[in-house]
PDB file of N, CA and C in Angstrom:
ATOM      1  N   UNK A   1     -41.455 102.974 207.599  1.00  0.00           N
ATOM      2  CA  UNK A   1     -41.181 101.814 208.795  1.00  0.00           C
ATOM      3  C   UNK A   1     -42.328 101.456 209.296  1.00  0.00           C
ATOM      4  N   UNK A   2     -42.619  99.969 209.393  1.00  0.00           N
ATOM      5  CA  UNK A   2     -43.950  99.601 209.612  1.00  0.00           C
ATOM      6  C   UNK A   2     -43.538  98.523 210.636  1.00  0.00           C
ATOM      7  N   UNK A   3     -44.223  98.762 211.962  1.00  0.00           N
ATOM      8  CA  UNK A   3     -43.990  97.582 213.085  1.00  0.00           C
ATOM      9  C   UNK A   3     -45.078  97.281 213.229  1.00  0.00           C
ATOM     10  N   UNK A   4     -44.651  96.235 213.960  1.00  0.00           N
ATOM     11  CA  UNK A   4     -46.610  95.157 214.335  1.00  0.00           C
ATOM     12  C   UNK A   4     -46.439  95.492 216.129  1.00  0.00           C
ATOM     13  N   UNK A   5     -47.230  95.627 216.679  1.00  0.00           N
ATOM     14  CA  UNK A   5     -46.997  95.476 218.234  1.00  0.00           C
ATOM     15  C   UNK A   5     -48.617  94.576 218.651  1.00  0.00           C
ATOM     16  N   UNK A   6     -48.393  93.130 218.891  1.00  0.00           N
ATOM     17  CA  UNK A   6     -49.235  92.028 218.572  1.00  0.00           C
ATOM     18  C   UNK A   6     -49.429  91.706 217.629  1.00  0.00           C
ATOM     19  N   UNK A   7     -51.135  91.779 216.819  1.00  0.00           N
ATOM     20  CA  UNK A   7     -51.345  91.699 215.849  1.00  0.00           C
ATOM     21  C   UNK A   7     -52.007  92.987 214.949  1.00  0.00           C
ATOM     22  N   UNK A   8     -51.568  94.347 215.819  1.00  0.00           N
ATOM     23  CA  UNK A   8     -51.882  95.423 214.957  1.00  0.00           C
ATOM     24  C   UNK A   8     -51.097  96.098 214.097  1.00  0.00           C
ATOM     25  N   UNK A   9     -51.454  96.745 212.896  1.00  0.00           N
ATOM     26  CA  UNK A   9     -50.271  96.804 212.314  1.00  0.00           C
ATOM     27  C   UNK A   9     -50.263  98.737 213.106  1.00  0.00           C
ATOM     28  N   UNK A  10     -48.913  99.157 213.162  1.00  0.00           N
ATOM     29  CA  UNK A  10     -49.162 100.683 213.726  1.00  0.00           C
ATOM     30  C   UNK A  10     -49.000 101.454 212.725  1.00  0.00           C
ATOM     31  N   UNK A  11     -48.582 101.136 211.483  1.00  0.00           N
ATOM     32  CA  UNK A  11     -49.001 101.937 210.421  1.00  0.00           C
ATOM     33  C   UNK A  11     -50.729 102.615 210.211  1.00  0.00           C
ATOM     34  N   UNK A  12     -51.224 100.923 210.748  1.00  0.00           N
ATOM     35  CA  UNK A  12     -52.882 101.387 210.029  1.00  0.00           C
ATOM     36  C   UNK A  12     -53.455 102.157 211.216  1.00  0.00           C
ATOM     37  N   UNK A  13     -52.913 102.242 212.408  1.00  0.00           N
ATOM     38  CA  UNK A  13     -53.421 102.794 213.793  1.00  0.00           C
ATOM     39  C   UNK A  13     -52.577 103.886 214.188  1.00  0.00           C
ATOM     40  N   UNK A  14     -53.001 105.075 213.836  1.00  0.00           N
ATOM     41  CA  UNK A  14     -52.053 106.367 214.204  1.00  0.00           C
ATOM     42  C   UNK A  14     -52.141 106.369 215.877  1.00  0.00           C
ATOM     43  N   UNK A  15     -53.155 105.856 216.400  1.00  0.00           N
ATOM     44  CA  UNK A  15     -53.240 106.024 217.992  1.00  0.00           C
ATOM     45  C   UNK A  15     -52.265 105.336 218.759  1.00  0.00           C
ATOM     46  N   UNK A  16     -51.544 104.431 218.156  1.00  0.00           N
ATOM     47  CA  UNK A  16     -50.385 103.471 218.833  1.00  0.00           C
ATOM     48  C   UNK A  16     -49.153 104.073 218.350  1.00  0.00           C
ATOM     49  N   UNK A  17     -49.310 104.821 217.709  1.00  0.00           N
ATOM     50  CA  UNK A  17     -47.733 105.677 217.075  1.00  0.00           C
ATOM     51  C   UNK A  17     -48.005 107.324 217.939  1.00  0.00           C
ATOM     52  N   UNK A  18     -49.102 107.552 217.786  1.00  0.00           N
ATOM     53  CA  UNK A  18     -49.167 108.883 218.433  1.00  0.00           C
ATOM     54  C   UNK A  18     -50.122 108.705 219.753  1.00  0.00           C
ATOM     55  N   UNK A  19     -50.055 107.930 220.803  1.00  0.00           N
ATOM     56  CA  UNK A  19     -51.017 107.776 222.194  1.00  0.00           C
ATOM     57  C   UNK A  19     -51.150 109.423 222.924  1.00  0.00           C
ATOM     58  N   UNK A  20     -50.236 110.297 222.336  1.00  0.00           N
ATOM     59  CA  UNK A  20     -50.461 111.437 223.560  1.00  0.00           C
ATOM     60  C   UNK A  20     -51.381 112.304 222.532  1.00  0.00           C
ATOM     61  N   UNK A  21     -51.801 112.018 221.464  1.00  0.00           N
ATOM     62  CA  UNK A  21     -52.967 112.869 220.707  1.00  0.00           C
ATOM     63  C   UNK A  21     -54.572 112.490 221.481  1.00  0.00           C
ATOM     64  N   UNK A  22     -54.531 111.119 222.163  1.00  0.00           N
ATOM     65  CA  UNK A  22     -55.739 110.647 222.873  1.00  0.00           C
ATOM     66  C   UNK A  22     -55.696 111.168 223.997  1.00  0.00           C
ATOM     67  N   UNK A  23     -57.317 111.695 224.425  1.00  0.00           N
ATOM     68  CA  UNK A  23     -57.410 111.835 225.561  1.00  0.00           C
ATOM     69  C   UNK A  23     -56.928 111.204 226.623  1.00  0.00           C
ATOM     70  N   UNK A  24     -56.847 111.945 227.874  1.00  0.00           N
ATOM     71  CA  UNK A  24     -56.052 110.943 228.992  1.00  0.00           C
ATOM     72  C   UNK A  24     -56.629 111.035 230.497  1.00  0.00           C
ATOM     73  N   UNK A  25     -57.232 109.915 231.119  1.00  0.00           N
ATOM     74  CA  UNK A  25     -57.469 110.498 232.141  1.00  0.00           C
ATOM     75  C   UNK A  25     -56.430 111.020 233.556  1.00  0.00           C
ATOM     76  N   UNK A  26     -57.519 112.253 234.003  1.00  0.00           N
ATOM     77  CA  UNK A  26     -56.536 112.901 235.189  1.00  0.00           C
ATOM     78  C   UNK A  26     -56.617 111.887 236.433  1.00  0.00           C
ATOM     79  N   UNK A  27     -55.165 111.699 237.420  1.00  0.00           N
ATOM     80  CA  UNK A  27     -55.152 111.301 238.261  1.00  0.00           C
ATOM     81  C   UNK A  27     -55.708 109.740 238.029  1.00  0.00           C
ATOM     82  N   UNK A  28     -55.662 108.690 239.187  1.00  0.00           N
ATOM     83  CA  UNK A  28     -55.501 107.647 239.070  1.00  0.00           C
ATOM     84  C   UNK A  28     -57.243 107.560 238.818  1.00  0.00           C
ATOM     85  N   UNK A  29     -56.914 105.733 238.212  1.00  0.00           N
ATOM     86  CA  UNK A  29     -58.253 105.058 237.929  1.00  0.00           C
ATOM     87  C   UNK A  29     -58.146 103.943 238.066  1.00  0.00           C
ATOM     88  N   UNK A  30     -59.591 103.501 239.087  1.00  0.00           N
ATOM     89  CA  UNK A  30     -59.932 102.460 239.654  1.00  0.00           C
ATOM     90  C   UNK A  30     -60.927 101.481 238.698  1.00  0.00           C
ATOM     91  N   UNK A  31     -60.857 100.314 238.803  1.00  0.00           N
ATOM     92  CA  UNK A  31     -62.139  99.542 238.286  1.00  0.00           C
ATOM     93  C   UNK A  31     -62.926  98.839 239.424  1.00  0.00           C
ATOM     94  N   UNK A  32     -64.039  98.969 238.966  1.00  0.00           N
ATOM     95  CA  UNK A  32     -65.388  98.688 239.722  1.00  0.00           C
ATOM     96  C   UNK A  32     -65.994  98.249 239.188  1.00  0.00           C
ATOM     97  N   UNK A  33     -66.982  97.013 239.688  1.00  0.00           N
ATOM     98  CA  UNK A  33     -68.057  95.915 239.793  1.00  0.00           C
ATOM     99  C   UNK A  33     -69.082  96.278 240.221  1.00  0.00           C
ATOM    100  N   UNK A  34     -70.052  97.134 239.291  1.00  0.00           N
ATOM    101  CA  UNK A  34     -71.497  97.283 239.645  1.00  0.00           C
ATOM    102  C   UNK A  34     -72.597  96.569 239.075  1.00  0.00           C
ATOM    103  N   UNK A  35     -73.168  95.642 239.557  1.00  0.00           N
ATOM    104  CA  UNK A  35     -73.919  94.429 239.082  1.00  0.00           C
ATOM    105  C   UNK A  35     -73.361  94.019 237.453  1.00  0.00           C
ATOM    106  N   UNK A  36     -72.273  93.157 238.212  1.00  0.00           N
ATOM    107  CA  UNK A  36     -71.774  92.489 236.925  1.00  0.00           C
ATOM    108  C   UNK A  36     -71.488  92.956 235.710  1.00  0.00           C
ATOM    109  N   UNK A  37     -71.230  94.632 235.958  1.00  0.00           N
ATOM    110  CA  UNK A  37     -70.489  95.368 234.731  1.00  0.00           C
ATOM    111  C   UNK A  37     -69.287  96.219 235.437  1.00  0.00           C
ATOM    112  N   UNK A  38     -68.325  95.959 234.385  1.00  0.00           N
ATOM    113  CA  UNK A  38     -67.103  96.682 234.851  1.00  0.00           C
ATOM    114  C   UNK A  38     -67.200  97.868 234.474  1.00  0.00           C
ATOM    115  N   UNK A  39     -66.759  98.893 235.542  1.00  0.00           N
ATOM    116  CA  UNK A  39     -66.834 100.648 235.411  1.00  0.00           C
ATOM    117  C   UNK A  39     -65.475 100.938 235.854  1.00  0.00           C
ATOM    118  N   UNK A  40     -64.911 102.086 235.420  1.00  0.00           N
ATOM    119  CA  UNK A  40     -63.793 102.456 235.834  1.00  0.00           C
ATOM    120  C   UNK A  40     -64.263 104.326 236.221  1.00  0.00           C
ATOM    121  N   UNK A  41     -63.534 104.411 237.371  1.00  0.00           N
ATOM    122  CA  UNK A  41     -63.856 105.424 238.118  1.00  0.00           C
ATOM    123  C   UNK A  41     -62.712 106.382 238.726  1.00  0.00           C
ATOM    124  N   UNK A  42     -62.700 106.941 239.104  1.00  0.00           N
ATOM    125  CA  UNK A  42     -61.350 108.282 239.738  1.00  0.00           C
ATOM    126  C   UNK A  42     -60.576 106.983 240.626  1.00  0.00           C
ATOM    127  N   UNK A  43     -59.447 107.022 240.887  1.00  0.00           N
ATOM    128  CA  UNK A  43     -58.791 106.240 241.622  1.00  0.00           C
ATOM    129  C   UNK A  43     -58.687 107.498 243.404  1.00  0.00           C
ATOM    130  N   UNK A  44     -58.569 108.156 242.900  1.00  0.00           N
ATOM    131  CA  UNK A  44     -58.389 109.354 244.625  1.00  0.00           C
ATOM    132  C   UNK A  44     -59.361 110.195 244.986  1.00  0.00           C
ATOM    133  N   UNK A  45     -60.881 109.281 244.322  1.00  0.00           N
ATOM    134  CA  UNK A  45     -61.993 109.537 245.092  1.00  0.00           C
ATOM    135  C   UNK A  45     -62.206 109.514 247.113  1.00  0.00           C
ATOM    136  N   UNK A  46     -62.237 110.581 247.747  1.00  0.00           N
ATOM    137  CA  UNK A  46     -62.813 110.295 248.454  1.00  0.00           C
ATOM    138  C   UNK A  46     -63.893 108.759 248.603  1.00  0.00           C
ATOM    139  N   UNK A  47     -63.903 108.711 249.861  1.00  0.00           N
ATOM    140  CA  UNK A  47     -65.091 107.309 250.095  1.00  0.00           C
ATOM    141  C   UNK A  47     -66.490 107.712 250.244  1.00  0.00           C
ATOM    142  N   UNK A  48     -66.974 109.214 250.239  1.00  0.00           N
ATOM    143  CA  UNK A  48     -68.175 110.196 250.289  1.00  0.00           C
ATOM    144  C   UNK A  48     -68.698 110.078 249.017  1.00  0.00           C
ATOM    145  N   UNK A  49     -67.557 110.212 247.848  1.00  0.00           N
ATOM    146  CA  UNK A  49     -68.059 111.094 246.612  1.00  0.00           C
ATOM    147  C   UNK A  49     -67.939 109.797 245.997  1.00  0.00           C
ATOM    148  N   UNK A  50     -67.255 108.570 246.165  1.00  0.00           N
ATOM    149  CA  UNK A  50     -67.330 107.237 245.662  1.00  0.00           C
ATOM    150  C   UNK A  50     -68.977 106.767 245.886  1.00  0.00           C
ATOM    151  N   UNK A  51     -68.879 106.478 247.061  1.00  0.00           N
ATOM    152  CA  UNK A  51     -70.306 105.975 247.326  1.00  0.00           C
ATOM    153  C   UNK A  51     -71.417 106.723 246.440  1.00  0.00           C
ATOM    154  N   UNK A  52     -71.499 108.505 246.599  1.00  0.00           N
ATOM    155  CA  UNK A  52     -72.575 108.990 245.563  1.00  0.00           C
ATOM    156  C   UNK A  52     -71.959 108.785 244.191  1.00  0.00           C
ATOM    157  N   UNK A  53     -71.202 108.236 243.498  1.00  0.00           N
ATOM    158  CA  UNK A  53     -70.641 107.854 242.435  1.00  0.00           C
ATOM    159  C   UNK A  53     -71.968 106.443 241.784  1.00  0.00           C
ATOM    160  N   UNK A  54     -71.573 106.019 242.907  1.00  0.00           N
ATOM    161  CA  UNK A  54     -71.832 104.359 242.940  1.00  0.00           C
ATOM    162  C   UNK A  54     -73.450 104.716 242.851  1.00  0.00           C
ATOM    163  N   UNK A  55     -74.162 105.257 243.813  1.00  0.00           N
ATOM    164  CA  UNK A  55     -75.550 105.662 243.993  1.00  0.00           C
ATOM    165  C   UNK A  55     -76.512 106.468 242.669  1.00  0.00           C
ATOM    166  N   UNK A  56     -75.663 107.300 241.936  1.00  0.00           N
ATOM    167  CA  UNK A  56     -76.228 107.712 240.853  1.00  0.00           C
ATOM    168  C   UNK A  56     -76.106 106.627 239.654  1.00  0.00           C
ATOM    169  N   UNK A  57     -74.958 105.648 239.588  1.00  0.00           N
ATOM    170  CA  UNK A  57     -74.822 104.968 238.452  1.00  0.00           C
ATOM    171  C   UNK A  57     -75.760 103.883 238.469  1.00  0.00           C
ATOM    172  N   UNK A  58     -75.772 103.555 240.302  1.00  0.00           N
ATOM    173  CA  UNK A  58     -76.669 102.331 240.246  1.00  0.00           C
ATOM    174  C   UNK A  58     -78.482 102.983 239.904  1.00  0.00           C
ATOM    175  N   UNK A  59     -78.356 103.787 239.940  1.00  0.00           N
ATOM    176  CA  UNK A  59     -80.114 104.415 239.948  1.00  0.00           C
ATOM    177  C   UNK A  59     -80.359 104.594 238.790  1.00  0.00           C
ATOM    178  N   UNK A  60     -79.122 104.791 237.432  1.00  0.00           N
ATOM    179  CA  UNK A  60     -79.345 105.263 236.145  1.00  0.00           C
ATOM    180  C   UNK A  60     -78.432 103.950 235.583  1.00  0.00           C
ATOM    181  N   UNK A  61     -78.389 102.850 235.706  1.00  0.00           N
ATOM    182  CA  UNK A  61     -77.523 101.663 234.581  1.00  0.00           C
ATOM    183  C   UNK A  61     -78.175 101.617 233.943  1.00  0.00           C
ATOM    184  N   UNK A  62     -79.638 101.558 233.992  1.00  0.00           N
ATOM    185  CA  UNK A  62     -80.362 101.060 232.484  1.00  0.00           C
ATOM    186  C   UNK A  62     -80.162 102.091 231.445  1.00  0.00           C
ATOM    187  N   UNK A  63     -79.691 103.660 231.741  1.00  0.00           N
ATOM    188  CA  UNK A  63     -79.812 104.446 230.802  1.00  0.00           C
ATOM    189  C   UNK A  63     -78.284 104.340 229.874  1.00  0.00           C
ATOM    190  N   UNK A  64     -77.284 103.517 230.417  1.00  0.00           N
ATOM    191  CA  UNK A  64     -75.929 103.267 229.454  1.00  0.00           C
ATOM    192  C   UNK A  64     -76.393 101.859 228.715  1.00  0.00           C
ATOM    193  N   UNK A  65     -76.142 102.444 227.364  1.00  0.00           N
ATOM    194  CA  UNK A  65     -75.970 101.740 226.572  1.00  0.00           C
ATOM    195  C   UNK A  65     -74.471 100.602 226.161  1.00  0.00           C
ATOM    196  N   UNK A  66     -74.530  99.192 226.811  1.00  0.00           N
ATOM    197  CA  UNK A  66     -73.399  98.312 227.313  1.00  0.00           C
ATOM    198  C   UNK A  66     -73.291  97.885 225.728  1.00  0.00           C
ATOM    199  N   UNK A  67     -74.279  97.521 225.037  1.00  0.00           N
ATOM    200  CA  UNK A  67     -73.805  96.950 223.395  1.00  0.00           C
ATOM    201  C   UNK A  67     -74.993  97.475 222.703  1.00  0.00           C
ATOM    202  N   UNK A  68     -74.289  96.831 221.451  1.00  0.00           N
ATOM    203  CA  UNK A  68     -74.902  97.711 219.890  1.00  0.00           C
ATOM    204  C   UNK A  68     -76.782  97.442 220.111  1.00  0.00           C
ATOM    205  N   UNK A  69     -76.618  96.412 220.929  1.00  0.00           N
ATOM    206  CA  UNK A  69     -78.206  96.102 220.552  1.00  0.00           C
ATOM    207  C   UNK A  69     -79.411  97.088 221.859  1.00  0.00           C
ATOM    208  N   UNK A  70     -78.607  97.448 222.634  1.00  0.00           N
ATOM    209  CA  UNK A  70     -79.151  98.171 223.710  1.00  0.00           C
ATOM    210  C   UNK A  70     -79.438 100.004 222.908  1.00  0.00           C
ATOM    211  N   UNK A  71     -78.811 100.274 222.097  1.00  0.00           N
ATOM    212  CA  UNK A  71     -78.956 101.262 221.215  1.00  0.00           C
ATOM    213  C   UNK A  71     -80.417 101.298 220.016  1.00  0.00           C
ATOM    214  N   UNK A  72     -81.144 101.040 220.046  1.00  0.00           N
ATOM    215  CA  UNK A  72     -82.107 100.369 219.304  1.00  0.00           C
ATOM    216  C   UNK A  72     -82.880 102.287 218.937  1.00  0.00           C
ATOM    217  N   UNK A  73     -83.052 102.069 217.908  1.00  0.00           N
ATOM    218  CA  UNK A  73     -83.594 103.781 217.321  1.00  0.00           C
ATOM    219  C   UNK A  73     -82.711 104.433 216.966  1.00  0.00           C
ATOM    220  N   UNK A  74     -81.391 104.548 217.160  1.00  0.00           N
ATOM    221  CA  UNK A  74     -80.517 105.505 216.661  1.00  0.00           C
ATOM    222  C   UNK A  74     -80.523 105.661 215.297  1.00  0.00           C
ATOM    223  N   UNK A  75     -80.855 106.406 214.602  1.00  0.00           N
ATOM    224  CA  UNK A  75     -80.533 107.041 212.804  1.00  0.00           C
ATOM    225  C   UNK A  75     -79.164 106.846 212.552  1.00  0.00           C
ATOM    226  N   UNK A  76     -78.821 105.779 211.799  1.00  0.00           N
ATOM    227  CA  UNK A  76     -77.382 105.897 211.138  1.00  0.00           C
ATOM    228  C   UNK A  76     -76.394 107.022 210.542  1.00  0.00           C
ATOM    229  N   UNK A  77     -78.160 107.296 210.195  1.00  0.00           N
ATOM    230  CA  UNK A  77     -77.370 108.766 209.056  1.00  0.00           C
ATOM    231  C   UNK A  77     -76.802 109.724 210.248  1.00  0.00           C
ATOM    232  N   UNK A  78     -77.286 110.143 211.582  1.00  0.00           N
ATOM    233  CA  UNK A  78     -77.365 110.968 212.645  1.00  0.00           C
ATOM    234  C   UNK A  78     -75.789 110.092 213.524  1.00  0.00           C
ATOM    235  N   UNK A  79     -75.413 109.074 213.446  1.00  0.00           N
ATOM    236  CA  UNK A  79     -74.044 108.115 214.495  1.00  0.00           C
ATOM    237  C   UNK A  79     -74.065 107.610 213.488  1.00  0.00           C
ATOM    238  N   UNK A  80     -72.389 107.405 213.166  1.00  0.00           N
ATOM    239  CA  UNK A  80     -72.265 106.690 212.759  1.00  0.00           C
ATOM    240  C   UNK A  80     -70.578 106.123 212.678  1.00  0.00           C
ATOM    241  N   UNK A  81     -70.052 105.089 213.208  1.00  0.00           N
ATOM    242  CA  UNK A  81     -68.716 104.651 213.640  1.00  0.00           C
ATOM    243  C   UNK A  81     -67.924 104.825 212.265  1.00  0.00           C
ATOM    244  N   UNK A  82     -66.554 105.546 212.227  1.00  0.00           N
ATOM    245  CA  UNK A  82     -65.823 105.894 211.375  1.00  0.00           C
ATOM    246  C   UNK A  82     -64.649 105.307 211.783  1.00  0.00           C
ATOM    247  N   UNK A  83     -63.805 104.724 211.165  1.00  0.00           N
ATOM    248  CA  UNK A  83     -62.663 103.807 211.403  1.00  0.00           C
ATOM    249  C   UNK A  83     -61.325 105.269 211.635  1.00  0.00           C
ATOM    250  N   UNK A  84     -60.450 105.246 212.188  1.00  0.00           N
ATOM    251  CA  UNK A  84     -59.677 106.057 212.502  1.00  0.00           C
ATOM    252  C   UNK A  84     -58.209 104.970 211.782  1.00  0.00           C
ATOM    253  N   UNK A  85     -58.213 105.462 210.596  1.00  0.00           N
ATOM    254  CA  UNK A  85     -57.480 105.155 209.735  1.00  0.00           C
ATOM    255  C   UNK A  85     -56.635 106.049 209.680  1.00  0.00           C
ATOM    256  N   UNK A  86     -55.015 105.977 208.972  1.00  0.00           N
ATOM    257  CA  UNK A  86     -53.729 106.653 208.785  1.00  0.00           C
ATOM    258  C   UNK A  86     -54.342 106.636 207.632  1.00  0.00           C
ATOM    259  N   UNK A  87     -54.384 108.076 206.779  1.00  0.00           N
ATOM    260  CA  UNK A  87     -54.642 108.273 205.254  1.00  0.00           C
ATOM    261  C   UNK A  87     -53.227 107.989 204.877  1.00  0.00           C
ATOM    262  N   UNK A  88     -52.351 108.277 205.282  1.00  0.00           N
ATOM    263  CA  UNK A  88     -50.694 107.953 204.757  1.00  0.00           C
ATOM    264  C   UNK A  88     -50.296 106.743 204.669  1.00  0.00           C
ATOM    265  N   UNK A  89     -51.304 105.740 205.222  1.00  0.00           N
ATOM    266  CA  UNK A  89     -51.123 104.089 205.328  1.00  0.00           C
ATOM    267  C   UNK A  89     -51.135 103.390 203.846  1.00  0.00           C
ATOM    268  N   UNK A  90     -49.778 102.784 203.548  1.00  0.00           N
ATOM    269  CA  UNK A  90     -49.709 101.861 202.269  1.00  0.00           C
ATOM    270  C   UNK A  90     -50.728 100.669 202.507  1.00  0.00           C
ATOM    271  N   UNK A  91     -51.676 100.641 201.344  1.00  0.00           N
ATOM    272  CA  UNK A  91     -52.144  99.149 201.390  1.00  0.00           C
ATOM    273  C   UNK A  91     -51.642  97.811 201.106  1.00  0.00           C
ATOM    274  N   UNK A  92     -52.064  97.436 202.152  1.00  0.00           N
ATOM    275  CA  UNK A  92     -51.937  95.452 202.395  1.00  0.00           C
ATOM    276  C   UNK A  92     -52.386  94.484 201.651  1.00  0.00           C
ATOM    277  N   UNK A  93     -51.973  93.752 200.647  1.00  0.00           N
ATOM    278  CA  UNK A  93     -52.625  92.878 200.749  1.00  0.00           C
ATOM    279  C   UNK A  93     -52.379  91.301 200.783  1.00  0.00           C
TER     280      UNK A  93
END
């Protein structure tokens, strides 16, 4: 049986059918904006810990790759994206 969630075919994407297999956050999640970048942090942190995390993130913001153009020099033989496709899925033409 094939069902479609939005425009994504659940037969082709096993993480939709089995969300429990994906890593899940522990506790609440809070979205914050830092220098125009959206980040997610723990929503149940104390204000002191949250301030410390903000300080570390702000000091190291340039260390994160926000787009593929920020990842200059990565050898594709070392790091390559693989599609998460259900091997039992039938071809659709």
